[in-house]
N, C-alpha and C. Protein backbone atom coordinates (compact mmCIF):
# COMPACT_ATOMS: atom_id res chain seq x y z
N UNK A 1 64.72 145.84 236.07
CA UNK A 1 64.76 146.98 235.17
C UNK A 1 63.45 147.02 234.38
N UNK A 2 62.86 148.17 234.35
CA UNK A 2 61.62 148.36 233.63
C UNK A 2 61.90 149.04 232.29
N UNK A 3 61.47 148.42 231.23
CA UNK A 3 61.67 148.97 229.89
C UNK A 3 60.42 149.70 229.46
N UNK A 4 60.58 150.92 228.96
CA UNK A 4 59.45 151.66 228.41
C UNK A 4 59.77 151.99 226.96
N UNK A 5 58.86 151.66 226.07
CA UNK A 5 59.04 151.90 224.65
C UNK A 5 57.92 152.79 224.13
N UNK A 6 58.21 153.51 223.06
CA UNK A 6 57.16 154.25 222.36
C UNK A 6 56.42 153.27 221.46
N UNK A 7 55.26 153.68 220.96
CA UNK A 7 54.51 152.82 220.02
C UNK A 7 55.35 152.47 218.80
N UNK A 8 56.05 153.45 218.15
CA UNK A 8 56.86 153.09 216.98
C UNK A 8 58.01 152.13 217.32
N UNK A 9 58.63 152.31 218.49
CA UNK A 9 59.70 151.39 218.89
C UNK A 9 59.14 149.99 219.10
N UNK A 10 57.98 149.91 219.75
CA UNK A 10 57.38 148.61 219.98
C UNK A 10 56.95 147.95 218.68
N UNK A 11 56.42 148.73 217.76
CA UNK A 11 56.02 148.18 216.46
C UNK A 11 57.22 147.57 215.74
N UNK A 12 58.36 148.26 215.80
CA UNK A 12 59.57 147.74 215.16
C UNK A 12 60.04 146.47 215.86
N UNK A 13 60.02 146.46 217.19
CA UNK A 13 60.42 145.27 217.94
C UNK A 13 59.48 144.12 217.64
N UNK A 14 58.18 144.41 217.56
CA UNK A 14 57.20 143.38 217.23
C UNK A 14 57.46 142.74 215.88
N UNK A 15 57.86 143.56 214.91
CA UNK A 15 58.19 143.02 213.59
C UNK A 15 59.44 142.16 213.65
N UNK A 16 60.46 142.65 214.35
CA UNK A 16 61.71 141.88 214.46
C UNK A 16 61.48 140.52 215.10
N UNK A 17 60.65 140.49 216.13
CA UNK A 17 60.39 139.26 216.87
C UNK A 17 59.21 138.47 216.34
N UNK A 18 58.54 139.03 215.34
CA UNK A 18 57.36 138.40 214.74
C UNK A 18 56.29 138.09 215.79
N UNK A 19 56.03 139.09 216.63
CA UNK A 19 55.00 138.93 217.65
C UNK A 19 53.63 138.91 216.99
N UNK A 20 52.73 138.13 217.57
CA UNK A 20 51.37 138.01 217.04
C UNK A 20 50.37 137.94 218.19
N UNK A 21 49.16 138.30 217.90
CA UNK A 21 48.02 138.07 218.78
C UNK A 21 48.17 138.53 220.21
N UNK A 22 47.81 137.63 221.13
CA UNK A 22 47.81 137.94 222.55
C UNK A 22 49.20 138.29 223.07
N UNK A 23 50.22 137.60 222.57
CA UNK A 23 51.59 137.90 223.01
C UNK A 23 51.97 139.33 222.68
N UNK A 24 51.60 139.76 221.49
CA UNK A 24 51.90 141.13 221.08
C UNK A 24 51.15 142.12 221.94
N UNK A 25 49.88 141.89 222.17
CA UNK A 25 49.07 142.83 222.93
C UNK A 25 49.51 142.91 224.39
N UNK A 26 49.79 141.78 225.00
CA UNK A 26 50.20 141.80 226.40
C UNK A 26 51.56 142.48 226.55
N UNK A 27 52.47 142.23 225.63
CA UNK A 27 53.78 142.89 225.68
C UNK A 27 53.63 144.40 225.48
N UNK A 28 52.75 144.81 224.57
CA UNK A 28 52.52 146.24 224.34
C UNK A 28 51.96 146.92 225.59
N UNK A 29 51.01 146.25 226.24
CA UNK A 29 50.43 146.81 227.45
C UNK A 29 51.48 147.02 228.54
N UNK A 30 52.41 146.09 228.64
CA UNK A 30 53.46 146.19 229.66
C UNK A 30 54.53 147.19 229.25
N UNK A 31 55.06 147.05 228.04
CA UNK A 31 56.22 147.83 227.63
C UNK A 31 55.91 149.25 227.17
N UNK A 32 54.69 149.47 226.68
CA UNK A 32 54.32 150.82 226.20
C UNK A 32 53.41 151.51 227.22
N UNK A 33 52.38 150.80 227.67
CA UNK A 33 51.39 151.41 228.56
C UNK A 33 51.82 151.40 230.03
N UNK A 34 52.76 150.52 230.37
CA UNK A 34 53.27 150.49 231.74
C UNK A 34 52.48 149.63 232.72
N UNK A 35 51.58 148.78 232.22
CA UNK A 35 50.83 147.89 233.10
C UNK A 35 51.74 146.82 233.66
N UNK A 36 51.38 146.30 234.81
CA UNK A 36 52.07 145.13 235.37
C UNK A 36 51.70 143.93 234.50
N UNK A 37 52.61 142.97 234.40
CA UNK A 37 52.37 141.81 233.55
C UNK A 37 51.09 141.07 233.96
N UNK A 38 50.86 140.93 235.25
CA UNK A 38 49.65 140.22 235.71
C UNK A 38 48.39 140.97 235.30
N UNK A 39 48.40 142.30 235.39
CA UNK A 39 47.25 143.09 234.97
C UNK A 39 47.02 143.00 233.47
N UNK A 40 48.10 143.04 232.71
CA UNK A 40 48.00 142.91 231.26
C UNK A 40 47.47 141.53 230.89
N UNK A 41 47.94 140.50 231.58
CA UNK A 41 47.48 139.14 231.31
C UNK A 41 45.98 139.03 231.56
N UNK A 42 45.52 139.60 232.66
CA UNK A 42 44.09 139.55 232.98
C UNK A 42 43.28 140.27 231.91
N UNK A 43 43.76 141.44 231.48
CA UNK A 43 43.04 142.22 230.47
C UNK A 43 42.95 141.46 229.15
N UNK A 44 44.03 140.78 228.76
CA UNK A 44 44.08 140.09 227.46
C UNK A 44 43.44 138.70 227.54
N UNK A 45 43.43 138.13 228.75
CA UNK A 45 42.83 136.81 228.91
C UNK A 45 43.80 135.67 228.77
N UNK A 46 45.06 135.91 229.17
CA UNK A 46 46.06 134.84 229.17
C UNK A 46 46.59 134.69 230.59
N UNK A 47 47.42 133.67 230.81
CA UNK A 47 47.99 133.47 232.13
C UNK A 47 49.08 134.50 232.41
N UNK A 48 49.34 134.72 233.69
CA UNK A 48 50.44 135.61 234.08
C UNK A 48 51.76 135.08 233.56
N UNK A 49 51.92 133.75 233.59
CA UNK A 49 53.15 133.14 233.09
C UNK A 49 53.33 133.44 231.60
N UNK A 50 52.25 133.36 230.84
CA UNK A 50 52.31 133.68 229.42
C UNK A 50 52.70 135.13 229.19
N UNK A 51 52.19 136.02 230.02
CA UNK A 51 52.54 137.44 229.90
C UNK A 51 54.01 137.66 230.21
N UNK A 52 54.48 137.04 231.29
CA UNK A 52 55.89 137.20 231.66
C UNK A 52 56.81 136.66 230.56
N UNK A 53 56.43 135.56 229.95
CA UNK A 53 57.24 134.99 228.86
C UNK A 53 57.28 135.92 227.65
N UNK A 54 56.15 136.53 227.31
CA UNK A 54 56.10 137.44 226.17
C UNK A 54 56.98 138.66 226.41
N UNK A 55 56.91 139.20 227.64
CA UNK A 55 57.73 140.38 227.97
C UNK A 55 59.20 140.00 228.02
N UNK A 56 59.52 138.84 228.56
CA UNK A 56 60.92 138.39 228.61
C UNK A 56 61.47 138.22 227.20
N UNK A 57 60.67 137.69 226.30
CA UNK A 57 61.10 137.53 224.90
C UNK A 57 61.40 138.89 224.29
N UNK A 58 60.56 139.87 224.56
CA UNK A 58 60.78 141.22 224.05
C UNK A 58 62.05 141.84 224.63
N UNK A 59 62.24 141.68 225.94
CA UNK A 59 63.44 142.24 226.56
C UNK A 59 64.70 141.59 226.02
N UNK A 60 64.66 140.28 225.79
CA UNK A 60 65.82 139.59 225.21
C UNK A 60 66.08 140.08 223.79
N UNK A 61 65.03 140.22 223.01
CA UNK A 61 65.18 140.73 221.64
C UNK A 61 65.70 142.15 221.62
N UNK A 62 65.23 142.96 222.55
CA UNK A 62 65.70 144.33 222.64
C UNK A 62 67.18 144.39 223.01
N UNK A 63 67.60 143.53 223.93
CA UNK A 63 69.02 143.48 224.31
C UNK A 63 69.88 143.08 223.12
N UNK A 64 69.43 142.12 222.35
CA UNK A 64 70.18 141.70 221.17
C UNK A 64 70.22 142.80 220.11
N UNK A 65 69.11 143.50 219.93
CA UNK A 65 69.08 144.60 218.96
C UNK A 65 70.05 145.71 219.37
N UNK A 66 70.07 146.01 220.68
CA UNK A 66 71.02 147.03 221.17
C UNK A 66 72.46 146.58 220.95
N UNK A 67 72.73 145.31 221.18
CA UNK A 67 74.08 144.79 220.96
C UNK A 67 74.45 144.86 219.49
N UNK A 68 73.49 144.62 218.62
CA UNK A 68 73.75 144.63 217.18
C UNK A 68 74.17 146.00 216.68
N UNK A 69 73.68 147.05 217.34
CA UNK A 69 74.04 148.41 216.92
C UNK A 69 75.15 148.99 217.79
N UNK A 70 75.70 148.16 218.66
CA UNK A 70 76.83 148.60 219.47
C UNK A 70 76.47 149.37 220.72
N UNK A 71 75.20 149.35 221.12
CA UNK A 71 74.79 150.08 222.31
C UNK A 71 75.21 149.37 223.59
N UNK A 72 75.26 148.04 223.56
CA UNK A 72 75.70 147.25 224.71
C UNK A 72 76.31 145.96 224.20
N UNK A 73 76.97 145.24 225.11
CA UNK A 73 77.49 143.92 224.75
C UNK A 73 76.34 142.93 224.67
N UNK A 74 76.48 141.93 223.83
CA UNK A 74 75.46 140.89 223.73
C UNK A 74 75.36 140.18 225.07
N UNK A 75 74.16 139.75 225.46
CA UNK A 75 73.98 139.10 226.76
C UNK A 75 74.93 137.93 226.99
N UNK A 76 75.22 137.12 225.97
CA UNK A 76 76.10 135.97 226.13
C UNK A 76 77.54 136.43 226.42
N UNK A 77 77.91 137.58 225.88
CA UNK A 77 79.29 138.07 226.05
C UNK A 77 79.55 138.51 227.48
N UNK A 78 78.51 138.88 228.22
CA UNK A 78 78.72 139.34 229.58
C UNK A 78 78.36 138.29 230.61
N UNK A 79 77.79 137.17 230.19
CA UNK A 79 77.42 136.12 231.13
C UNK A 79 78.66 135.51 231.74
N UNK A 80 78.63 135.31 233.05
CA UNK A 80 79.74 134.68 233.74
C UNK A 80 80.90 135.58 234.04
N UNK A 81 80.78 136.87 233.77
CA UNK A 81 81.88 137.79 234.07
C UNK A 81 81.62 138.49 235.36
């Protein structure tokens, strides 16, 4: 699943997750600009693994935020079902 966020949505997510520096920039490039994680990693100067981890952290935080407002069940609640 590919997540696309607006700049304001990403800024809010970044604050919630306390994203900083390269992690924030690589996640923004992927989630807002639509770059592939490997391309974003190359542009920012980090490893592809680091980019994937930053995006995964954002997706997990986004899932929890959606669960908090009742948009979906929390990831733990649906695991194993």
